[in-house]
Amino acid sequence: MKTVIKKNEWLFMLSCLGLGILAEISFFHARIGVSYLVFLTGFYLVVFVRFRLGFNHRRIGLLIMGCIWLLAASYLLYDNAFFYLLNIVVIPFLVLFHVVLITSPGNLKWGKPAFLVRMVAKIGWGAAYSIQFCNRLFNQVFQNTDESTSQTVKRVMLGILIGVPLLGVITALLMSADAVFKDIVLRLPQFMVNLDFEGIFRIVAVLIFTFLFFGILQVLRVTGRTTIQGKLEKYKHAISWNGITAMTILVLLNAVYILFTVIQFTYFFGEGLQEGLTYAEYARRGFFELIMVTLINWTILIFCLKLVREQGVRIDLALKLMYSLLIVVSGVMLVSAYQRLSIYEAAYGFTMDRILAHAFMIFLIVIFAYTLIRVWLERLALLHFYLIAGLVFYTALNVVHIEQIIVDENMKRFEEIGKIDVQYLNSLSYTGVEGLIELYNVDPDYPELEHMLYLSQQKMKNNPLDDWQSFNFTKREVRERLTSLELDKYEGA
């Protein structure tokens, strides 16, 4: 077995160690801000040096990379709690998708399920490579020791590596379950209590990041380890629907949907509320019907378009008509739900959930419109468009600054009817505070407004500026505007 570690492998390992340290500094010391862009700069520098710009799939790769940088820039430009949490998952996924894509062969079909399997496989291969590297490193360090001793040391180290985290979890559970045991553990020698567990955690985090980056980046160019594509092709024809079966299903469903639309026509497009319903019940009922109908319809369309085989010209034409009718009915329901939610917003104001619901409906309309085109132009690829549209849509949600739209629309509503939910604006991020400042400039006597601003002002004055990792333009601007406000009423209170 190969035990010698080459010089270039050592150098790359040290680069990944630096990347691991950068990741720990960027994500575990303060709230993420500009630090995400700093980390991505370091990461892609290592990637570009490692592969010397020898990339494939460059057009889609540039699109994905642009989206990654825009999403990371949202941590610097905005302060949206919803996307802050969601992007913690989305950005790493896109980064993995991107690096696997641009290092894959040029003839690889990235718009197939096999590519997602390939992504997952790369993580497994990377972990296996890192373990193999550690094994070679261990053998090289203990090459002058007899095999029995080296194996014993290796097993002890592995036991410690696995056992210590398990011990921590089990101890915490036992302490929670038994007060006497908890008391005994708390009476352990002082040096054990005073161990720098935070420092240990940070070291472990650095090592995990290091070997994760090292392993995955080392196996990105590896090919021929999976036969997933071959297996998918093998079963592609086995998993298929008969055209007559699909036609029967579609006729039944379309009959139900048409009947449903006719009966509910007044409810969907009438100007008044259905008897016995409030605006809230009205909008919520429509929205849940939307979710149910569109998901069922979309799922059926995808299965039919992918799994139904050609059954002759007449059946093929009939199926296309049924697909089209299903899409049209779904579009009617989407337009209806959009209209109902607009009525609800006019009555109760704009919130994050309502804006996202509107955006999601627009996205579904685009998806259904493309699917309708795909029904009649069979050469078009569905998954490619869905992936690109979904990525562009999600990136757009981050870039357009939804909280600013919420503030602006609520201010317009305030100018029209004199009502605004200051409690909701106060629950938003710094953009919401900025909206309260604008409201204060227009109507300083609005109930509870000045007191809210005073509390926010005192909170900012009592808390110094964040670390450099958390630098954010919106936060800085709002701090300056808020601290300059003269709220004398509450001074000395």
Protein backbone atom coordinates (compact mmCIF):
# COMPACT_ATOMS: atom_id res chain seq x y z
CA MET A 1 0.00 0.00 0.00
CA LYS A 2 1.23 3.48 -0.84
CA THR A 3 2.44 5.27 2.27
CA VAL A 4 4.55 8.15 0.93
CA ILE A 5 2.82 11.52 0.82
CA LYS A 6 4.12 13.68 -2.02
CA LYS A 7 5.23 17.29 -1.63
CA ASN A 8 2.38 18.74 -3.72
CA GLU A 9 -0.12 16.80 -1.61
CA TRP A 10 1.40 18.30 1.54
CA LEU A 11 1.18 21.79 0.06
CA PHE A 12 -2.45 21.31 -0.89
CA MET A 13 -3.20 19.93 2.55
CA LEU A 14 -1.68 23.06 4.11
CA SER A 15 -3.81 25.21 1.78
CA CYS A 16 -6.93 23.39 2.95
CA LEU A 17 -5.80 23.85 6.56
CA GLY A 18 -5.64 27.58 5.95
CA LEU A 19 -9.09 27.37 4.35
CA GLY A 20 -10.39 25.49 7.37
CA ILE A 21 -9.03 28.18 9.71
CA LEU A 22 -10.61 30.87 7.53
CA ALA A 23 -13.97 29.04 7.65
CA GLU A 24 -13.84 28.81 11.44
CA ILE A 25 -12.98 32.50 11.78
CA SER A 26 -15.68 33.51 9.28
CA PHE A 27 -18.57 31.49 10.68
CA PHE A 28 -17.98 30.76 14.38
CA HIS A 29 -16.84 34.04 15.95
CA ALA A 30 -19.66 36.47 15.19
CA ARG A 31 -22.81 36.89 13.16
CA ILE A 32 -22.06 36.40 9.48
CA GLY A 33 -21.67 39.56 7.41
CA VAL A 34 -18.82 40.44 5.08
CA SER A 35 -17.04 37.33 6.35
CA TYR A 36 -18.97 35.12 3.89
CA LEU A 37 -17.51 37.01 0.94
CA VAL A 38 -14.06 36.79 2.53
CA PHE A 39 -14.39 33.03 2.90
CA LEU A 40 -15.65 32.54 -0.66
CA THR A 41 -12.71 34.55 -1.96
CA GLY A 42 -10.30 32.22 -0.18
CA PHE A 43 -12.19 29.10 -1.20
CA TYR A 44 -12.35 29.89 -4.90
CA LEU A 45 -8.74 31.03 -4.88
CA VAL A 46 -7.75 27.56 -3.66
CA VAL A 47 -10.05 25.93 -6.24
CA PHE A 48 -8.68 27.98 -9.14
CA VAL A 49 -5.08 27.34 -8.14
CA ARG A 50 -5.77 23.63 -7.63
CA PHE A 51 -7.33 23.09 -11.06
CA ARG A 52 -5.48 25.81 -12.98
CA LEU A 53 -8.66 27.16 -14.64
CA GLY A 54 -9.26 23.90 -16.51
CA PHE A 55 -13.06 23.96 -16.18
CA ASN A 56 -16.02 22.71 -18.22
CA HIS A 57 -19.68 23.80 -18.39
CA ARG A 58 -18.52 27.41 -18.21
CA ARG A 59 -21.74 29.20 -19.14
CA ILE A 60 -23.97 27.56 -16.56
CA GLY A 61 -20.99 27.60 -14.20
CA LEU A 62 -20.70 31.38 -14.47
CA LEU A 63 -24.43 31.75 -13.81
CA ILE A 64 -24.28 29.61 -10.68
CA MET A 65 -21.14 31.33 -9.46
CA GLY A 66 -22.76 34.74 -9.96
CA CYS A 67 -25.75 33.60 -7.91
CA ILE A 68 -23.46 32.31 -5.17
CA TRP A 69 -21.68 35.65 -4.89
CA LEU A 70 -24.96 37.58 -4.92
CA LEU A 71 -26.39 35.39 -2.17
CA ALA A 72 -23.23 35.82 -0.11
CA ALA A 73 -23.32 39.57 -0.72
CA SER A 74 -26.80 39.68 0.84
CA TYR A 75 -25.11 39.04 4.19
CA LEU A 76 -23.17 42.26 3.65
CA LEU A 77 -25.91 44.40 2.10
CA TYR A 78 -29.05 43.35 3.96
CA ASP A 79 -30.13 41.99 7.32
CA ASN A 80 -32.96 39.55 6.57
CA ALA A 81 -33.36 36.91 9.28
CA PHE A 82 -35.31 34.53 7.03
CA PHE A 83 -32.73 34.38 4.25
CA TYR A 84 -29.87 34.54 6.78
CA LEU A 85 -30.85 31.08 8.02
CA LEU A 86 -31.94 29.65 4.68
CA ASN A 87 -28.75 30.68 2.86
CA ILE A 88 -26.68 28.83 5.44
CA VAL A 89 -27.94 25.68 3.67
CA VAL A 90 -28.48 27.00 0.14
CA ILE A 91 -25.05 28.55 -0.48
CA PRO A 92 -22.99 25.45 0.49
CA PHE A 93 -25.27 23.33 -1.69
CA LEU A 94 -24.74 25.68 -4.64
CA VAL A 95 -20.99 25.78 -4.06
CA LEU A 96 -20.82 21.98 -4.09
CA PHE A 97 -23.05 21.89 -7.19
CA HIS A 98 -20.80 24.47 -8.87
CA VAL A 99 -17.40 22.88 -8.18
CA VAL A 100 -18.66 19.40 -9.10
CA LEU A 101 -20.17 20.80 -12.30
CA ILE A 102 -17.18 22.76 -13.57
CA THR A 103 -14.78 19.88 -12.87
CA SER A 104 -16.97 17.23 -14.53
CA PRO A 105 -16.49 16.10 -18.14
CA GLY A 106 -17.94 18.43 -20.76
CA ASN A 107 -20.36 15.77 -22.05
CA LEU A 108 -21.90 15.15 -18.62
CA LYS A 109 -25.65 15.83 -18.45
CA TRP A 110 -26.00 17.96 -15.34
CA GLY A 111 -29.77 18.27 -15.68
CA LYS A 112 -30.42 14.63 -14.73
CA PRO A 113 -30.98 13.01 -11.31
CA ALA A 114 -27.70 11.16 -11.76
CA PHE A 115 -25.85 14.44 -11.29
CA LEU A 116 -27.33 14.91 -7.82
CA VAL A 117 -26.25 11.37 -7.03
CA ARG A 118 -22.80 12.30 -8.30
CA MET A 119 -22.72 15.27 -5.91
CA VAL A 120 -23.55 13.06 -2.94
CA ALA A 121 -21.01 10.51 -4.12
CA LYS A 122 -18.29 13.16 -4.21
CA ILE A 123 -18.83 13.82 -0.51
CA GLY A 124 -18.47 10.10 0.23
CA TRP A 125 -15.39 9.78 -1.96
CA GLY A 126 -13.90 12.87 -0.35
CA ALA A 127 -14.40 11.43 3.13
CA ALA A 128 -12.83 8.15 1.99
CA TYR A 129 -9.87 10.02 0.50
CA SER A 130 -9.29 11.99 3.72
CA ILE A 131 -9.41 8.78 5.76
CA GLN A 132 -6.96 7.18 3.38
CA PHE A 133 -4.69 10.21 3.65
CA CYS A 134 -4.78 10.06 7.46
CA ASN A 135 -3.99 6.36 7.27
CA ARG A 136 -0.99 6.99 5.02
CA LEU A 137 0.12 9.82 7.30
CA PHE A 138 -0.14 7.52 10.30
CA ASN A 139 1.83 4.78 8.53
CA GLN A 140 4.51 7.26 7.52
CA VAL A 141 4.86 8.59 11.07
CA PHE A 142 5.02 5.08 12.53
CA GLN A 143 6.95 3.46 9.69
CA ASN A 144 9.81 2.54 12.05
CA THR A 145 7.44 0.98 14.61
CA ASP A 146 6.41 -2.63 14.49
CA GLU A 147 2.98 -3.29 12.99
CA SER A 148 1.43 -4.55 16.21
CA THR A 149 2.25 -1.38 18.13
CA SER A 150 1.18 0.92 15.31
CA GLN A 151 -2.15 -0.87 14.96
CA THR A 152 -2.74 -0.59 18.70
CA VAL A 153 -2.03 3.15 18.68
CA LYS A 154 -4.29 3.59 15.65
CA ARG A 155 -7.17 1.80 17.34
CA VAL A 156 -6.75 3.80 20.53
CA MET A 157 -6.75 7.08 18.61
CA LEU A 158 -9.83 6.02 16.64
CA GLY A 159 -11.57 5.04 19.87
CA ILE A 160 -10.83 8.46 21.36
CA LEU A 161 -11.97 10.23 18.22
CA ILE A 162 -15.32 8.45 18.22
CA GLY A 163 -15.72 8.01 21.98
CA VAL A 164 -15.18 11.58 23.20
CA PRO A 165 -18.13 13.11 21.31
CA LEU A 166 -20.31 10.18 22.33
CA LEU A 167 -19.22 10.58 25.92
CA GLY A 168 -20.16 14.24 25.87
CA VAL A 169 -23.64 13.51 24.52
CA ILE A 170 -24.27 10.62 26.91
CA THR A 171 -23.03 12.59 29.89
CA ALA A 172 -25.31 15.50 29.06
CA LEU A 173 -28.28 13.14 28.76
CA LEU A 174 -27.51 11.40 32.05
CA MET A 175 -27.05 14.72 33.82
CA SER A 176 -30.42 15.78 32.57
CA ALA A 177 -32.01 12.50 33.68
CA ASP A 178 -30.47 12.13 37.14
CA ALA A 179 -29.87 15.02 39.56
CA VAL A 180 -27.50 12.95 41.71
CA PHE A 181 -25.33 12.06 38.72
CA LYS A 182 -25.36 15.70 37.67
CA ASP A 183 -24.18 16.73 41.13
CA ILE A 184 -21.33 14.20 41.02
CA VAL A 185 -20.18 15.36 37.60
CA LEU A 186 -20.22 18.99 38.73
CA ARG A 187 -17.95 18.05 41.65
CA LEU A 188 -15.21 16.75 39.36
CA PRO A 189 -11.72 18.16 39.89
CA GLN A 190 -11.56 21.85 39.02
CA PHE A 191 -9.07 21.37 36.22
CA MET A 192 -11.61 19.25 34.32
CA VAL A 193 -14.30 21.88 34.78
CA ASN A 194 -11.98 24.64 33.59
CA LEU A 195 -10.94 22.90 30.39
CA ASP A 196 -11.14 25.20 27.39
CA PHE A 197 -14.00 23.39 25.70
CA GLU A 198 -14.54 26.31 23.33
CA GLY A 199 -10.97 26.07 22.13
CA ILE A 200 -11.30 22.31 21.67
CA PHE A 201 -14.49 22.83 19.69
CA ARG A 202 -12.81 25.38 17.42
CA ILE A 203 -9.88 23.06 16.76
CA VAL A 204 -12.24 20.21 15.90
CA ALA A 205 -14.20 22.54 13.60
CA VAL A 206 -11.00 23.57 11.80
CA LEU A 207 -9.97 19.93 11.32
CA ILE A 208 -13.41 18.95 10.03
CA PHE A 209 -13.43 21.81 7.53
CA THR A 210 -9.85 21.06 6.50
CA PHE A 211 -10.38 17.38 5.72
CA LEU A 212 -13.76 18.09 4.13
CA PHE A 213 -12.27 20.59 1.68
CA PHE A 214 -9.15 18.49 1.16
CA GLY A 215 -10.99 15.26 0.42
CA ILE A 216 -13.70 16.68 -1.86
CA LEU A 217 -11.34 18.88 -3.88
CA GLN A 218 -8.96 15.96 -4.37
CA VAL A 219 -11.62 13.67 -5.86
CA LEU A 220 -13.46 16.20 -8.04
CA ARG A 221 -11.64 15.01 -11.15
CA VAL A 222 -12.16 11.34 -10.34
CA THR A 223 -14.48 9.55 -12.81
CA GLY A 224 -15.72 6.05 -13.41
CA ARG A 225 -16.56 5.22 -9.80
CA THR A 226 -20.33 5.02 -10.23
CA THR A 227 -22.68 3.26 -12.58
CA ILE A 228 -25.72 5.24 -11.50
CA GLN A 229 -26.31 6.61 -14.98
CA GLY A 230 -26.18 3.14 -16.42
CA LYS A 231 -28.63 1.83 -13.86
CA LEU A 232 -31.01 4.69 -14.55
CA GLU A 233 -30.92 3.94 -18.26
CA LYS A 234 -31.52 0.24 -17.53
CA TYR A 235 -34.73 0.93 -15.62
CA LYS A 236 -35.86 3.92 -17.67
CA HIS A 237 -38.17 1.88 -19.86
CA ALA A 238 -39.37 -0.36 -17.04
CA ILE A 239 -40.83 2.61 -15.16
CA SER A 240 -43.35 3.85 -17.69
CA TRP A 241 -47.05 4.55 -18.00
CA ASN A 242 -49.42 3.43 -20.69
CA GLY A 243 -50.97 6.31 -22.64
CA ILE A 244 -54.50 5.07 -22.06
CA THR A 245 -53.97 4.89 -18.32
CA ALA A 246 -52.61 8.43 -18.25
CA MET A 247 -55.49 9.65 -20.39
CA THR A 248 -58.04 8.16 -17.99
CA ILE A 249 -56.39 9.82 -15.01
CA LEU A 250 -56.19 13.18 -16.75
CA VAL A 251 -59.80 13.12 -17.93
CA LEU A 252 -61.04 12.38 -14.41
CA LEU A 253 -58.85 15.05 -12.85
CA ASN A 254 -59.69 17.70 -15.42
CA ALA A 255 -63.40 16.99 -15.00
CA VAL A 256 -63.09 17.50 -11.26
CA TYR A 257 -60.99 20.66 -11.63
CA ILE A 258 -63.33 22.19 -14.20
CA LEU A 259 -66.33 21.47 -11.99
CA PHE A 260 -64.48 22.87 -8.99
CA THR A 261 -63.58 26.05 -10.90
CA VAL A 262 -67.14 26.58 -12.14
CA ILE A 263 -68.68 26.12 -8.69
CA GLN A 264 -66.08 28.34 -7.03
CA PHE A 265 -66.08 30.99 -9.78
CA THR A 266 -67.84 33.59 -7.65
CA TYR A 267 -65.59 32.77 -4.73
CA PHE A 268 -62.46 33.14 -6.85
CA PHE A 269 -63.35 36.20 -8.92
CA GLY A 270 -66.25 37.89 -7.13
CA GLU A 271 -65.74 41.26 -5.51
CA GLY A 272 -67.23 40.32 -2.15
CA LEU A 273 -66.39 37.82 0.55
CA GLN A 274 -68.02 34.43 0.73
CA GLU A 275 -70.72 34.44 3.38
CA GLY A 276 -69.43 33.70 6.87
CA LEU A 277 -65.76 34.23 6.01
CA THR A 278 -63.39 36.91 7.25
CA TYR A 279 -60.62 38.32 5.05
CA ALA A 280 -58.11 36.12 6.88
CA GLU A 281 -60.15 32.93 6.41
CA TYR A 282 -60.86 33.89 2.81
CA ALA A 283 -57.20 34.36 1.89
CA ARG A 284 -55.91 31.37 3.83
CA ARG A 285 -58.47 29.01 2.32
CA GLY A 286 -57.55 30.13 -1.16
CA PHE A 287 -53.86 29.79 -0.49
CA PHE A 288 -54.05 26.24 0.84
CA GLU A 289 -56.23 25.24 -2.09
CA LEU A 290 -53.53 26.72 -4.29
CA ILE A 291 -50.79 24.68 -2.69
CA MET A 292 -52.79 21.47 -2.86
CA VAL A 293 -53.93 21.87 -6.45
CA THR A 294 -50.69 23.12 -7.96
CA LEU A 295 -48.51 20.50 -6.30
CA ILE A 296 -50.83 17.68 -7.37
CA ASN A 297 -51.11 19.00 -10.90
CA TRP A 298 -47.44 19.72 -11.28
CA THR A 299 -46.48 16.28 -9.98
CA ILE A 300 -48.88 14.56 -12.36
CA LEU A 301 -47.62 16.62 -15.29
CA ILE A 302 -43.99 15.75 -14.57
CA PHE A 303 -44.74 12.05 -14.21
CA CYS A 304 -46.80 11.98 -17.37
CA LEU A 305 -44.33 13.95 -19.48
CA LYS A 306 -41.43 11.79 -18.31
CA LEU A 307 -42.98 8.34 -18.07
CA VAL A 308 -45.75 8.10 -20.68
CA ARG A 309 -44.52 6.50 -23.88
CA GLU A 310 -45.80 7.33 -27.36
CA GLN A 311 -49.08 5.51 -28.10
CA GLY A 312 -49.98 6.81 -31.55
CA VAL A 313 -50.82 10.18 -33.09
CA ARG A 314 -54.40 10.43 -31.78
CA ILE A 315 -53.62 9.48 -28.21
CA ASP A 316 -50.56 11.70 -28.26
CA LEU A 317 -52.69 14.67 -29.38
CA ALA A 318 -55.37 13.89 -26.80
CA LEU A 319 -52.76 13.70 -24.05
CA LYS A 320 -51.35 17.06 -25.05
CA LEU A 321 -54.82 18.59 -24.93
CA MET A 322 -55.38 17.11 -21.45
CA TYR A 323 -52.01 18.40 -20.28
CA SER A 324 -52.82 21.85 -21.64
CA LEU A 325 -56.24 21.88 -19.98
CA LEU A 326 -54.69 20.87 -16.66
CA ILE A 327 -52.17 23.70 -16.94
CA VAL A 328 -54.83 26.27 -17.89
CA VAL A 329 -57.02 25.32 -14.92
CA SER A 330 -54.01 25.53 -12.63
CA GLY A 331 -53.22 28.97 -14.04
CA VAL A 332 -56.78 30.15 -13.36
CA MET A 333 -56.45 29.08 -9.74
CA LEU A 334 -53.10 30.81 -9.41
CA VAL A 335 -54.48 34.09 -10.76
CA SER A 336 -57.46 33.78 -8.47
CA ALA A 337 -55.33 33.15 -5.39
CA TYR A 338 -53.08 36.06 -6.31
CA GLN A 339 -56.09 38.35 -6.50
CA ARG A 340 -57.43 37.16 -3.14
CA LEU A 341 -54.11 37.67 -1.40
CA SER A 342 -53.96 41.19 -2.83
CA ILE A 343 -57.35 41.93 -1.24
CA TYR A 344 -56.05 40.56 2.04
CA GLU A 345 -52.93 42.76 1.89
CA ALA A 346 -55.02 45.84 1.14
CA ALA A 347 -57.02 45.12 4.29
CA TYR A 348 -54.25 44.05 6.68
CA GLY A 349 -50.95 45.26 5.25
CA PHE A 350 -47.83 43.65 3.79
CA THR A 351 -45.69 41.03 5.54
CA MET A 352 -42.84 38.72 4.60
CA ASP A 353 -45.14 35.70 4.31
CA ARG A 354 -47.57 37.52 2.03
CA ILE A 355 -44.87 38.90 -0.27
CA LEU A 356 -43.22 35.48 -0.52
CA ALA A 357 -46.60 33.91 -1.30
CA HIS A 358 -47.08 36.43 -4.13
CA ALA A 359 -43.59 35.72 -5.45
CA PHE A 360 -44.15 31.96 -5.26
CA MET A 361 -47.35 32.30 -7.28
CA ILE A 362 -45.52 34.25 -9.99
CA PHE A 363 -42.83 31.56 -10.03
CA LEU A 364 -45.47 28.84 -10.43
CA ILE A 365 -47.09 30.75 -13.30
CA VAL A 366 -43.71 30.88 -15.08
CA ILE A 367 -43.16 27.17 -14.42
CA PHE A 368 -46.59 26.23 -15.74
CA ALA A 369 -46.17 28.49 -18.78
CA TYR A 370 -42.91 26.79 -19.69
CA THR A 371 -44.44 23.38 -19.06
CA LEU A 372 -47.27 24.26 -21.46
CA ILE A 373 -44.69 25.09 -24.14
CA ARG A 374 -42.88 21.83 -23.35
CA VAL A 375 -46.11 19.87 -23.89
CA TRP A 376 -46.15 20.92 -27.54
CA LEU A 377 -42.38 21.19 -28.13
CA GLU A 378 -41.11 17.88 -26.84
CA ARG A 379 -37.45 18.62 -27.48
CA LEU A 380 -37.33 21.15 -24.66
CA ALA A 381 -35.78 19.96 -21.39
CA LEU A 382 -37.87 20.35 -18.25
CA LEU A 383 -35.35 19.80 -15.47
CA HIS A 384 -32.82 22.20 -16.96
CA PHE A 385 -35.36 25.00 -16.99
CA TYR A 386 -36.70 24.17 -13.53
CA LEU A 387 -33.22 24.25 -12.02
CA ILE A 388 -32.21 27.48 -13.73
CA ALA A 389 -35.57 29.18 -13.07
CA GLY A 390 -35.53 28.08 -9.44
CA LEU A 391 -31.98 29.33 -8.96
CA VAL A 392 -32.68 32.69 -10.64
CA PHE A 393 -35.94 33.05 -8.70
CA TYR A 394 -34.30 32.35 -5.34
CA THR A 395 -31.38 34.65 -6.11
CA ALA A 396 -33.80 37.39 -7.17
CA LEU A 397 -35.65 37.08 -3.84
CA ASN A 398 -32.37 37.79 -2.07
CA VAL A 399 -31.31 40.61 -4.35
CA VAL A 400 -34.54 42.63 -4.54
CA HIS A 401 -34.50 43.31 -0.77
CA ILE A 402 -37.97 42.08 0.20
CA GLU A 403 -38.00 43.82 3.57
CA GLN A 404 -37.53 47.17 1.83
CA ILE A 405 -40.51 46.38 -0.40
CA ILE A 406 -42.57 45.54 2.69
CA VAL A 407 -41.63 48.85 4.32
CA ASP A 408 -42.32 50.86 1.15
CA GLU A 409 -45.72 49.23 0.51
CA ASN A 410 -46.81 49.66 4.12
CA MET A 411 -45.79 53.32 4.02
CA LYS A 412 -47.87 53.81 0.84
CA ARG A 413 -50.79 52.13 2.59
CA PHE A 414 -50.27 54.45 5.57
CA GLU A 415 -50.42 57.49 3.30
CA GLU A 416 -53.71 56.23 1.84
CA ILE A 417 -55.61 55.04 4.95
CA GLY A 418 -53.51 56.24 7.90
CA LYS A 419 -52.91 52.73 9.31
CA ILE A 420 -49.67 50.79 9.72
CA ASP A 421 -48.53 47.89 11.88
CA VAL A 422 -45.56 49.39 13.73
CA GLN A 423 -45.20 46.22 15.82
CA TYR A 424 -44.54 44.18 12.68
CA LEU A 425 -42.08 46.69 11.27
CA ASN A 426 -40.27 46.63 14.60
CA SER A 427 -40.02 42.82 14.36
CA LEU A 428 -38.12 43.06 11.07
CA SER A 429 -34.40 43.60 10.77
CA TYR A 430 -32.66 46.97 10.53
CA THR A 431 -34.70 47.73 7.42
CA GLY A 432 -37.84 47.68 9.57
CA VAL A 433 -36.22 50.12 12.00
CA GLU A 434 -35.41 52.36 9.06
CA GLY A 435 -39.10 52.24 8.11
CA LEU A 436 -40.04 53.31 11.63
CA ILE A 437 -37.65 56.25 11.31
CA GLU A 438 -39.31 57.30 8.05
CA LEU A 439 -42.72 57.00 9.71
CA TYR A 440 -41.47 59.11 12.63
CA ASN A 441 -40.41 61.84 10.22
CA VAL A 442 -43.93 61.86 8.76
CA ASP A 443 -45.98 61.35 11.93
CA PRO A 444 -43.93 61.55 15.16
CA ASP A 445 -47.08 61.22 17.29
CA TYR A 446 -48.11 57.81 15.94
CA PRO A 447 -48.99 55.55 18.95
CA GLU A 448 -46.03 53.62 20.45
CA LEU A 449 -43.71 54.72 17.64
CA GLU A 450 -41.43 57.06 19.57
CA HIS A 451 -41.10 54.62 22.46
CA MET A 452 -40.06 51.83 20.06
CA LEU A 453 -37.44 54.03 18.45
CA TYR A 454 -36.16 55.10 21.85
CA LEU A 455 -35.71 51.48 22.95
CA SER A 456 -33.91 50.63 19.69
CA GLN A 457 -31.74 53.72 20.06
CA GLN A 458 -30.73 52.81 23.60
CA LYS A 459 -30.00 49.26 22.57
CA MET A 460 -27.64 50.48 19.86
CA LYS A 461 -25.95 52.96 22.17
CA ASN A 462 -25.39 50.30 24.81
CA ASN A 463 -23.95 47.81 22.32
CA PRO A 464 -20.71 48.67 20.53
CA LEU A 465 -20.25 48.02 16.85
CA ASP A 466 -19.94 44.39 15.82
CA ASP A 467 -16.74 42.66 14.84
CA TRP A 468 -15.45 43.15 11.32
CA GLN A 469 -16.99 39.83 10.26
CA SER A 470 -20.47 41.30 10.80
CA PHE A 471 -20.01 44.56 8.89
CA ASN A 472 -23.21 45.38 7.00
CA PHE A 473 -24.16 48.52 5.02
CA THR A 474 -27.82 48.56 6.05
CA LYS A 475 -26.92 48.14 9.71
CA ARG A 476 -24.38 50.96 9.59
CA GLU A 477 -26.77 53.36 7.85
CA VAL A 478 -29.62 52.63 10.26
CA ARG A 479 -27.32 53.05 13.25
CA GLU A 480 -26.30 56.48 12.03
CA ARG A 481 -29.88 57.60 11.38
CA LEU A 482 -31.25 56.21 14.63
CA THR A 483 -28.55 57.57 16.90
CA SER A 484 -29.00 61.03 15.37
CA LEU A 485 -32.68 61.15 16.33
CA GLU A 486 -33.53 63.44 19.25
CA LEU A 487 -36.01 61.57 21.41
CA ASP A 488 -36.05 63.90 24.39
CA LYS A 489 -39.34 62.71 25.82
CA TYR A 490 -37.78 59.57 27.26
CA GLU A 491 -34.49 61.03 28.45
CA GLY A 492 -34.10 60.45 32.16
CA ALA A 493 -37.19 58.24 32.32
